[in-house]
Amino acid sequence: MRIEKVNIFSADGVFRKGAVEFDDVIQKIEFDAGQDDDAGAYADADAGAYADADTDAGAGHDAGAELYLIPGLIDIHTHGAVNGDHSDGSEEYMQDMAMFYAKNGVTSFLATTITCSGKQLEGAMQNISRYKRQKNGARCAGVNMEGPFLSYEKRGAHTDEFLQPPSIPMFEKMHVASGGSIRLVSIAPELPGAMEFIKAASQVCKVALAHSAAGYDTAIEAFKSGASHVTHLFNAMSPFSHRDPAIPGAAMDSRAYVEIISDGVHLHPSVIRAVFSMFPERVCMVSDSIRSTGLPEGNYELGGLPVIVKNGKVTLEDGTIAGSNARLIECVRNAAGYGVPLEKVIAAATINNARAAGLGEKYGSLEPGACADMLLLDKNLDIQKVYIAGSPVE
């Protein structure tokens, strides 16, 4: 199959007009002559530059130069959607969630679990391991194990009765139950035994710092021990202070990847712009979505705790933020609307996530040999078509 006359997000992180040939993988990329001199013309650094593209809609294989072809979005932190939660252990909901993700531009995801009983968590891991992608469903690229090795003080929406100190035997048991598919595991580095855990677990998967009251020195030690990622930066952690920059400062100095949730609730737009400046090529945009995503606002549940979804915000009954109600494509639009250059936003929702989770170069890019997981977007960043393994999602 071939798509022509489209603005392609190239491997060097800019948009170039050209054509792409693909089957289940990208076979060939051809750029129009003279692109090197103005490679950034379709991804200008000015805020909202993408809105200046032509307005006529393209059709068929000739996509039209007003459309953008980007890698499929990769959501490495999503608890659920459409009444499903990855901690539930429900095969039916797993398929429903996968189709919802695909319809909304997420072609690969990490099934993200939450703090719960050991029995429930093991069942969830087993269920995730059995997932087989069906037509119109997104790929499950593994597990993001968020909890139970988290701080009581910064637990957020994690049930306190199931929090526990870091345990390698417990982690190994869950890794086996998942079929060896844990890609990320979160830990509060100030907990007893945390550094030993990080050294061991980082040989198996990526380790993220999360839900933590740790200061800068403890966080630096954690990164030196093998941690390489930060879960939802600035949320559920000690603040970035001029005398103790805590996890955010240590992450910047350690060149760690950092997640942000640009849902209009978790972070101020100025902070989002600052994060892209502080962490060049290391920002990971995630949804942190829960089961209410894609459903009407109201009362729901997360990790055994009642949550309220109102005016686009998800909270516990005491007002604590509890995940999000956002789709990742909405976060992409928000960040671009806040003035972050479009090419940096796209990278943060695709290739950066693939690299942070250790998924390899076949995910998150449009290079020859990569999986043909792609989105066609219009000038407003609305999805026109989704491809997974080269096949259109209906």
Protein backbone atom coordinates (compact mmCIF):
# COMPACT_ATOMS: atom_id res chain seq x y z
CA MET A 1 0.00 0.00 0.00
CA ARG A 2 1.16 3.54 -0.65
CA ILE A 3 0.16 6.93 0.76
CA GLU A 4 1.30 9.94 -1.25
CA LYS A 5 1.46 13.72 -0.91
CA VAL A 6 1.42 13.76 2.87
CA ASN A 7 3.48 15.53 5.54
CA ILE A 8 5.50 12.68 7.07
CA PHE A 9 7.02 12.80 10.56
CA SER A 10 10.52 11.77 9.57
CA ALA A 11 13.11 9.86 11.58
CA ASP A 12 15.00 13.06 12.39
CA GLY A 13 11.96 14.57 14.07
CA VAL A 14 10.65 17.02 11.46
CA PHE A 15 7.82 16.95 8.93
CA ARG A 16 8.64 16.45 5.26
CA LYS A 17 6.27 16.10 2.35
CA GLY A 18 6.47 12.75 0.60
CA ALA A 19 5.13 9.23 0.22
CA VAL A 20 5.29 6.00 2.22
CA GLU A 21 5.04 2.40 1.03
CA PHE A 22 4.07 -0.28 3.54
CA ASP A 23 2.57 -3.68 4.18
CA ASP A 24 2.68 -4.77 7.81
CA VAL A 25 5.93 -2.81 8.15
CA ILE A 26 7.24 0.37 6.56
CA GLN A 27 8.91 -0.57 3.29
CA LYS A 28 10.01 2.75 1.84
CA ILE A 29 9.86 6.48 2.56
CA GLU A 30 10.27 8.92 -0.33
CA PHE A 31 10.55 12.65 0.34
CA ASP A 32 9.86 15.29 -2.27
CA ALA A 33 12.88 17.02 -3.78
CA GLY A 34 14.14 20.14 -2.03
CA GLN A 35 12.90 19.15 1.43
CA ASP A 36 16.21 19.56 3.27
CA ASP A 37 16.16 23.35 3.08
CA ASP A 38 12.73 23.73 4.68
CA ALA A 39 12.28 20.47 6.54
CA GLY A 40 10.55 22.18 9.44
CA ALA A 41 7.95 23.96 7.33
CA TYR A 42 5.19 21.71 8.60
CA ALA A 43 6.31 21.73 12.21
CA ASP A 44 7.16 25.33 12.87
CA ALA A 45 8.32 26.12 16.38
CA ASP A 46 5.70 28.84 16.74
CA ALA A 47 2.64 27.92 18.79
CA GLY A 48 -0.25 26.67 16.69
CA ALA A 49 1.77 26.51 13.46
CA TYR A 50 0.03 23.29 12.47
CA ALA A 51 -3.22 25.21 12.13
CA ASP A 52 -1.90 27.00 9.04
CA ALA A 53 -2.06 23.93 6.79
CA ASP A 54 -4.45 23.73 3.83
CA THR A 55 -8.06 22.92 4.63
CA ASP A 56 -9.22 20.68 1.79
CA ALA A 57 -9.60 17.04 2.83
CA GLY A 58 -7.62 14.36 1.02
CA ALA A 59 -8.98 10.95 0.08
CA GLY A 60 -7.75 7.49 -0.87
CA HIS A 61 -4.06 6.78 -1.25
CA ASP A 62 -3.38 10.41 -2.19
CA ALA A 63 -3.62 11.72 1.36
CA GLY A 64 -3.24 15.34 0.44
CA ALA A 65 -0.48 17.67 1.59
CA GLU A 66 -2.72 19.14 4.28
CA LEU A 67 -2.61 15.88 6.26
CA TYR A 68 0.05 14.66 8.65
CA LEU A 69 1.29 11.06 8.82
CA ILE A 70 2.77 10.21 12.21
CA PRO A 71 3.65 7.01 14.08
CA GLY A 72 0.82 5.50 16.09
CA LEU A 73 0.59 6.88 19.60
CA ILE A 74 2.08 4.75 22.38
CA ASP A 75 0.46 5.10 25.81
CA ILE A 76 2.80 3.64 28.42
CA HIS A 77 0.63 4.64 31.38
CA THR A 78 -3.07 3.83 31.08
CA HIS A 79 -5.10 2.07 33.75
CA GLY A 80 -8.20 1.66 31.65
CA ALA A 81 -11.11 3.05 29.65
CA VAL A 82 -14.74 2.30 28.71
CA ASN A 83 -15.46 0.73 32.12
CA GLY A 84 -12.44 -1.56 32.00
CA ASP A 85 -9.41 -1.52 34.28
CA HIS A 86 -6.25 -3.52 33.65
CA SER A 87 -6.23 -4.55 37.32
CA ASP A 88 -9.68 -6.17 37.00
CA GLY A 89 -8.49 -9.31 35.25
CA SER A 90 -11.35 -9.24 32.72
CA GLU A 91 -10.55 -10.58 29.25
CA GLU A 92 -13.70 -9.01 27.77
CA TYR A 93 -12.84 -5.54 29.00
CA MET A 94 -9.28 -5.97 27.81
CA GLN A 95 -10.52 -6.31 24.24
CA ASP A 96 -12.95 -3.40 24.68
CA MET A 97 -10.14 -1.18 25.95
CA ALA A 98 -7.83 -2.22 23.11
CA MET A 99 -10.43 -1.26 20.50
CA PHE A 100 -11.09 2.05 22.25
CA TYR A 101 -7.37 2.82 22.29
CA ALA A 102 -7.02 2.01 18.59
CA LYS A 103 -10.02 4.11 17.59
CA ASN A 104 -8.45 7.03 19.43
CA GLY A 105 -5.02 6.72 17.85
CA VAL A 106 -3.16 4.60 20.41
CA THR A 107 -1.69 1.69 18.48
CA SER A 108 0.36 0.27 21.39
CA PHE A 109 -0.08 0.50 25.15
CA LEU A 110 1.33 -0.73 28.43
CA ALA A 111 -1.46 -2.24 30.54
CA THR A 112 -0.98 -0.33 33.79
CA THR A 113 -1.88 -1.93 37.08
CA ILE A 114 -2.53 -0.23 40.42
CA THR A 115 -1.91 -1.12 44.05
CA CYS A 116 -4.22 -3.97 45.07
CA SER A 117 -4.05 -7.33 46.84
CA GLY A 118 -1.38 -9.77 45.74
CA LYS A 119 -4.02 -12.22 44.57
CA GLN A 120 -5.81 -9.63 42.46
CA LEU A 121 -2.57 -8.32 41.00
CA GLU A 122 -1.42 -11.79 40.05
CA GLY A 123 -4.75 -12.47 38.36
CA ALA A 124 -4.47 -9.20 36.45
CA MET A 125 -0.97 -10.11 35.27
CA GLN A 126 -2.18 -13.50 34.07
CA ASN A 127 -5.07 -11.91 32.21
CA ILE A 128 -2.81 -9.39 30.49
CA SER A 129 -0.47 -12.20 29.45
CA ARG A 130 -3.38 -13.95 27.68
CA TYR A 131 -4.32 -10.93 25.59
CA LYS A 132 -4.26 -11.56 21.85
CA ARG A 133 -4.83 -8.58 19.61
CA GLN A 134 -7.99 -8.84 17.55
CA LYS A 135 -8.96 -6.88 14.46
CA ASN A 136 -9.35 -3.16 15.26
CA GLY A 137 -7.54 -3.57 18.59
CA ALA A 138 -4.31 -1.94 19.74
CA ARG A 139 -1.17 -3.88 20.57
CA CYS A 140 -0.44 -4.60 24.23
CA ALA A 141 3.31 -4.02 24.48
CA GLY A 142 3.59 -5.16 28.09
CA VAL A 143 2.80 -4.15 31.67
CA ASN A 144 3.43 -0.99 33.66
CA MET A 145 3.36 -2.10 37.31
CA GLU A 146 2.48 1.03 39.31
CA GLY A 147 2.43 -0.12 42.94
CA PRO A 148 2.50 -1.52 45.55
CA PHE A 149 6.06 -0.29 46.36
CA LEU A 150 4.97 3.30 46.98
CA SER A 151 5.08 5.89 49.76
CA TYR A 152 2.15 6.14 52.14
CA GLU A 153 2.63 9.91 52.32
CA LYS A 154 2.41 10.33 48.54
CA ARG A 155 0.09 7.38 47.81
CA GLY A 156 -2.52 9.48 45.97
CA ALA A 157 -5.27 7.13 44.80
CA HIS A 158 -3.42 3.93 45.76
CA THR A 159 -5.12 1.93 48.51
CA ASP A 160 -2.97 2.20 51.63
CA GLU A 161 -3.75 -1.26 53.03
CA PHE A 162 -1.97 -2.93 50.09
CA LEU A 163 1.15 -0.75 50.04
CA GLN A 164 4.30 -2.67 50.94
CA PRO A 165 8.10 -2.35 51.02
CA PRO A 166 9.96 -3.30 47.85
CA SER A 167 10.11 -7.07 47.41
CA ILE A 168 12.11 -8.80 44.70
CA PRO A 169 10.35 -12.16 45.26
CA MET A 170 6.96 -10.46 44.89
CA PHE A 171 8.09 -8.62 41.75
CA GLU A 172 9.51 -11.81 40.25
CA LYS A 173 6.25 -13.63 40.96
CA MET A 174 4.29 -10.94 39.13
CA HIS A 175 6.76 -10.92 36.25
CA VAL A 176 6.29 -14.66 35.79
CA ALA A 177 2.50 -14.28 36.01
CA SER A 178 2.64 -11.63 33.28
CA GLY A 179 4.48 -13.97 30.96
CA GLY A 180 7.66 -11.95 31.38
CA SER A 181 6.02 -8.80 30.04
CA ILE A 182 6.59 -6.19 32.78
CA ARG A 183 8.23 -3.23 31.05
CA LEU A 184 8.04 -0.66 33.85
CA VAL A 185 7.84 -0.95 37.63
CA SER A 186 7.38 2.01 39.96
CA ILE A 187 9.04 2.49 43.34
CA ALA A 188 9.41 5.15 46.02
CA PRO A 189 13.21 5.19 46.46
CA GLU A 190 13.13 6.25 50.13
CA LEU A 191 11.54 2.95 51.20
CA PRO A 192 13.68 0.36 53.04
CA GLY A 193 15.45 -1.91 50.58
CA ALA A 194 14.63 0.32 47.59
CA MET A 195 18.17 0.60 46.21
CA GLU A 196 18.71 -3.15 46.28
CA PHE A 197 15.35 -3.59 44.55
CA ILE A 198 16.22 -1.04 41.86
CA LYS A 199 19.57 -2.73 41.14
CA ALA A 200 17.87 -6.11 40.71
CA ALA A 201 14.68 -5.03 38.92
CA SER A 202 16.55 -2.79 36.45
CA GLN A 203 18.14 -5.95 35.06
CA VAL A 204 14.64 -7.14 34.14
CA CYS A 205 12.76 -3.99 33.10
CA LYS A 206 12.81 -0.21 33.37
CA VAL A 207 12.41 1.20 36.88
CA ALA A 208 10.43 4.39 37.52
CA LEU A 209 10.42 6.65 40.57
CA ALA A 210 6.88 7.42 41.69
CA HIS A 211 4.58 8.34 44.57
CA SER A 212 7.56 9.40 46.61
CA ALA A 213 8.63 11.92 49.25
CA ALA A 214 12.29 11.44 48.33
CA GLY A 215 14.68 14.36 48.21
CA TYR A 216 17.30 15.07 45.56
CA ASP A 217 20.12 12.99 47.07
CA THR A 218 17.97 9.88 47.48
CA ALA A 219 16.64 10.25 43.95
CA ILE A 220 20.17 10.65 42.55
CA GLU A 221 21.19 7.45 44.32
CA ALA A 222 18.17 5.68 42.81
CA PHE A 223 19.09 6.78 39.29
CA LYS A 224 22.69 5.69 39.85
CA SER A 225 21.34 2.32 41.02
CA GLY A 226 19.49 1.78 37.74
CA ALA A 227 16.24 3.77 37.72
CA SER A 228 15.68 5.59 34.42
CA HIS A 229 12.13 6.92 34.45
CA VAL A 230 9.76 9.15 36.43
CA THR A 231 6.03 8.46 36.67
CA HIS A 232 3.74 11.52 36.13
CA LEU A 233 6.37 14.17 36.89
CA PHE A 234 5.52 16.66 39.68
CA ASN A 235 2.41 14.71 40.71
CA ALA A 236 2.54 12.59 43.90
CA MET A 237 6.12 13.57 44.74
CA SER A 238 8.03 16.19 46.69
CA PRO A 239 8.00 19.53 44.87
CA PHE A 240 10.83 21.00 42.81
CA SER A 241 12.33 23.45 45.31
CA HIS A 242 15.21 25.89 44.97
CA ARG A 243 16.99 24.19 47.86
CA ASP A 244 15.88 20.62 47.28
CA PRO A 245 14.86 19.98 43.66
CA ALA A 246 13.82 16.45 44.70
CA ILE A 247 12.99 13.86 42.01
CA PRO A 248 12.44 16.40 39.18
CA GLY A 249 15.91 17.92 39.64
CA ALA A 250 17.58 14.54 40.01
CA ALA A 251 15.83 13.31 36.87
CA MET A 252 17.09 16.30 34.91
CA ASP A 253 20.66 15.75 36.08
CA SER A 254 20.45 11.99 35.45
CA ARG A 255 18.96 12.22 31.93
CA ALA A 256 15.96 10.14 32.93
CA TYR A 257 12.74 9.97 30.95
CA VAL A 258 9.79 11.76 32.53
CA GLU A 259 6.04 11.34 32.07
CA ILE A 260 3.64 14.26 31.82
CA ILE A 261 -0.15 14.30 31.73
CA SER A 262 -1.25 17.31 29.67
CA ASP A 263 -4.96 16.87 30.34
CA GLY A 264 -5.47 20.43 31.55
CA VAL A 265 -5.72 19.20 35.17
CA HIS A 266 -2.43 17.67 36.31
CA LEU A 267 -0.03 20.40 35.13
CA HIS A 268 -0.21 24.09 34.31
CA PRO A 269 0.57 24.91 30.64
CA SER A 270 3.66 26.87 31.72
CA VAL A 271 4.97 23.80 33.53
CA ILE A 272 4.42 21.67 30.44
CA ARG A 273 6.42 24.14 28.34
CA ALA A 274 9.14 24.13 31.01
CA VAL A 275 9.34 20.31 31.06
CA PHE A 276 9.99 20.20 27.32
CA SER A 277 12.83 22.69 27.85
CA MET A 278 14.27 20.85 30.87
CA PHE A 279 14.10 17.37 29.35
CA PRO A 280 14.87 17.57 25.62
CA GLU A 281 14.04 14.29 23.85
CA ARG A 282 13.09 12.69 27.18
CA VAL A 283 9.45 13.77 27.68
CA CYS A 284 6.87 10.99 27.60
CA MET A 285 3.26 12.04 27.16
CA VAL A 286 0.82 9.64 28.83
CA SER A 287 -2.89 9.63 29.57
CA ASP A 288 -3.00 7.94 33.02
CA SER A 289 -6.59 7.21 31.98
CA ILE A 290 -8.97 5.22 34.18
CA ARG A 291 -12.14 3.23 33.49
CA SER A 292 -14.31 6.37 33.17
CA THR A 293 -12.50 7.46 30.00
CA GLY A 294 -14.90 7.37 27.07
CA LEU A 295 -17.94 7.29 29.37
CA PRO A 296 -20.21 9.98 30.88
CA GLU A 297 -19.05 11.81 33.98
CA GLY A 298 -20.22 10.43 37.31
CA ASN A 299 -19.14 8.01 40.02
CA TYR A 300 -16.58 5.27 39.31
CA GLU A 301 -13.96 3.16 41.08
CA LEU A 302 -10.16 2.96 40.95
CA GLY A 303 -8.16 0.41 42.88
CA GLY A 304 -11.08 -0.21 45.22
CA LEU A 305 -11.55 3.49 45.99
CA PRO A 306 -14.60 5.53 44.88
CA VAL A 307 -13.76 8.32 42.43
CA ILE A 308 -15.78 11.21 41.05
CA VAL A 309 -15.50 12.46 37.48
CA LYS A 310 -16.73 16.03 37.17
CA ASN A 311 -15.82 18.82 34.73
CA GLY A 312 -13.12 16.64 33.21
CA LYS A 313 -11.38 16.06 36.55
CA VAL A 314 -11.07 12.72 38.36
CA THR A 315 -10.78 12.86 42.15
CA LEU A 316 -11.21 10.83 45.28
CA GLU A 317 -13.97 11.95 47.63
CA ASP A 318 -11.43 14.12 49.51
CA GLY A 319 -10.44 15.95 46.29
CA THR A 320 -7.18 14.07 45.61
CA ILE A 321 -6.54 13.75 41.87
CA ALA A 322 -6.99 10.11 40.85
CA GLY A 323 -5.77 9.50 37.31
CA SER A 324 -7.33 11.18 34.30
CA ASN A 325 -10.33 11.02 32.03
CA ALA A 326 -8.31 11.96 28.95
CA ARG A 327 -7.40 10.25 25.70
CA LEU A 328 -3.75 10.56 24.71
CA ILE A 329 -4.67 12.36 21.47
CA GLU A 330 -6.37 15.04 23.60
CA CYS A 331 -3.15 15.47 25.57
CA VAL A 332 -1.28 15.86 22.27
CA ARG A 333 -3.65 18.60 21.11
CA ASN A 334 -3.43 20.35 24.46
CA ALA A 335 0.38 20.43 24.51
CA ALA A 336 0.51 21.75 20.94
CA GLY A 337 -2.08 24.36 21.88
CA TYR A 338 0.04 25.40 24.86
CA GLY A 339 2.83 26.38 22.48
CA VAL A 340 5.05 23.30 22.49
CA PRO A 341 6.43 22.75 18.96
CA LEU A 342 4.36 20.11 17.20
CA GLU A 343 7.32 17.90 16.29
CA LYS A 344 8.36 17.73 19.96
CA VAL A 345 4.81 16.83 20.99
CA ILE A 346 4.60 14.03 18.44
CA ALA A 347 7.96 12.60 19.52
CA ALA A 348 6.83 12.67 23.16
CA ALA A 349 3.76 10.56 22.37
CA THR A 350 5.54 8.08 20.10
CA ILE A 351 9.29 7.40 19.86
CA ASN A 352 10.17 8.74 23.32
CA ASN A 353 7.65 6.40 24.92
CA ALA A 354 8.95 3.45 22.93
CA ARG A 355 12.51 4.15 24.02
CA ALA A 356 11.60 4.84 27.65
CA ALA A 357 9.80 1.50 27.92
CA GLY A 358 12.47 -0.43 26.03
CA LEU A 359 10.18 -1.40 23.16
CA GLY A 360 12.86 -1.17 20.48
CA GLU A 361 13.13 0.83 17.28
CA LYS A 362 10.27 -0.98 15.51
CA TYR A 363 7.78 1.04 17.54
CA GLY A 364 7.18 4.77 17.51
CA SER A 365 8.83 5.69 14.20
CA LEU A 366 8.18 5.62 10.47
CA GLU A 367 11.59 4.32 9.46
CA PRO A 368 11.81 1.43 6.96
CA GLY A 369 11.47 -1.83 8.88
CA ALA A 370 9.35 -0.31 11.64
CA CYS A 371 5.84 -1.57 12.30
CA ALA A 372 3.31 0.13 10.03
CA ASP A 373 1.40 1.59 12.99
CA MET A 374 0.41 5.06 11.79
CA LEU A 375 -2.06 7.90 12.11
CA LEU A 376 -3.32 10.37 9.53
CA LEU A 377 -4.17 13.67 11.23
CA ASP A 378 -5.78 16.80 9.81
CA LYS A 379 -4.71 20.39 10.50
CA ASN A 380 -6.58 20.36 13.83
CA LEU A 381 -4.83 17.14 14.87
CA ASP A 382 -8.08 15.22 14.54
CA ILE A 383 -7.67 11.59 13.53
CA GLN A 384 -8.61 10.78 9.93
CA LYS A 385 -7.32 7.21 9.79
CA VAL A 386 -5.51 4.70 12.02
CA TYR A 387 -3.31 1.88 10.71
CA ILE A 388 -2.05 -1.03 12.84
CA ALA A 389 0.34 -3.45 11.13
CA GLY A 390 -0.59 -1.71 7.89
CA SER A 391 -4.31 -2.42 8.15
CA PRO A 392 -6.84 0.41 8.64
CA VAL A 393 -8.76 0.37 11.90
CA GLU A 394 -12.47 0.44 11.11
